[in-house]
Protein backbone atom coordinates (compact mmCIF):
# COMPACT_ATOMS: atom_id res chain seq x y z
CA UNK A 1 -89.57 -10.73 -61.44
CA UNK A 2 -87.62 -12.92 -59.04
CA UNK A 3 -86.22 -15.21 -61.76
CA UNK A 4 -84.70 -12.33 -63.73
CA UNK A 5 -82.64 -10.89 -60.86
CA UNK A 6 -79.13 -12.18 -60.15
CA UNK A 7 -78.57 -14.12 -56.94
CA UNK A 8 -77.01 -12.05 -54.16
CA UNK A 9 -75.70 -13.03 -50.76
CA UNK A 10 -76.76 -11.49 -47.47
CA UNK A 11 -73.41 -9.72 -47.14
CA UNK A 12 -71.09 -8.57 -49.90
CA UNK A 13 -68.06 -10.82 -50.55
CA UNK A 14 -64.67 -9.87 -49.12
CA UNK A 15 -62.39 -7.77 -51.32
CA UNK A 16 -60.78 -9.84 -54.06
CA UNK A 17 -63.36 -12.66 -53.87
CA UNK A 18 -65.92 -13.21 -56.61
CA UNK A 19 -69.17 -14.87 -55.49
CA UNK A 20 -69.98 -18.17 -57.21
CA UNK A 21 -73.58 -19.24 -56.66
CA UNK A 22 -73.91 -21.39 -59.79
CA UNK A 23 -71.28 -24.06 -58.97
CA UNK A 24 -69.76 -23.49 -55.52
CA UNK A 25 -66.89 -25.63 -54.28
CA UNK A 26 -67.62 -28.16 -51.54
CA UNK A 27 -65.37 -29.71 -48.92
CA UNK A 28 -67.48 -32.86 -48.55
CA UNK A 29 -65.05 -34.77 -50.76
CA UNK A 30 -62.55 -34.64 -47.88
CA UNK A 31 -64.99 -34.99 -45.01
CA UNK A 32 -66.47 -38.34 -46.07
CA UNK A 33 -63.12 -40.23 -46.26
CA UNK A 34 -61.90 -38.67 -43.01
CA UNK A 35 -65.13 -39.67 -41.25
CA UNK A 36 -64.81 -43.21 -42.58
CA UNK A 37 -61.21 -43.49 -41.35
CA UNK A 38 -61.97 -42.22 -37.85
CA UNK A 39 -65.16 -44.28 -37.56
CA UNK A 40 -63.14 -47.38 -38.46
CA UNK A 41 -60.42 -46.52 -35.93
CA UNK A 42 -62.91 -45.90 -33.14
CA UNK A 43 -64.73 -49.16 -33.92
CA UNK A 44 -61.45 -51.10 -33.80
CA UNK A 45 -60.56 -49.50 -30.45
CA UNK A 46 -63.99 -50.32 -29.04
CA UNK A 47 -63.76 -53.94 -30.19
CA UNK A 48 -60.27 -54.27 -28.70
CA UNK A 49 -61.54 -52.91 -25.38
CA UNK A 50 -64.46 -55.33 -25.34
CA UNK A 51 -62.20 -58.25 -26.25
CA UNK A 52 -59.69 -57.29 -23.57
CA UNK A 53 -62.33 -56.90 -20.88
CA UNK A 54 -64.28 -60.04 -21.78
CA UNK A 55 -61.55 -62.54 -22.78
CA UNK A 56 -58.22 -61.48 -21.31
CA UNK A 57 -59.13 -59.75 -18.03
CA UNK A 58 -62.44 -61.66 -17.69
CA UNK A 59 -63.97 -58.80 -15.74
CA UNK A 60 -66.74 -57.10 -17.62
CA UNK A 61 -68.07 -54.78 -14.95
CA UNK A 62 -70.97 -52.47 -14.45
CA UNK A 63 -68.86 -49.47 -15.47
CA UNK A 64 -68.72 -50.79 -19.03
CA UNK A 65 -72.49 -51.09 -19.25
CA UNK A 66 -72.94 -47.78 -17.49
CA UNK A 67 -70.67 -45.94 -19.91
CA UNK A 68 -72.60 -47.45 -22.83
CA UNK A 69 -75.91 -46.27 -21.38
CA UNK A 70 -74.53 -42.76 -20.90
CA UNK A 71 -73.60 -42.64 -24.58
CA UNK A 72 -77.20 -43.49 -25.45
CA UNK A 73 -78.48 -40.63 -23.32
CA UNK A 74 -80.14 -42.74 -20.65
CA UNK A 75 -79.78 -41.70 -17.01
CA UNK A 76 -76.89 -43.26 -15.09
């Protein structure tokens, strides 16, 4: 029966590596904080750009709106 057989991978593990299908290690503990840091940095940079264009330079041109639409996937 399927429940009695041990779990096997598609390919055998490399020499010197024991497969661990019951409690594998994950790298998500490092990915989530790194994503949060870089999302925060990119948001700060975007807000600084908007502030600079709108308040200091006082020229908020079509290229800013156009670049935003391209990020959304709409035609330019």
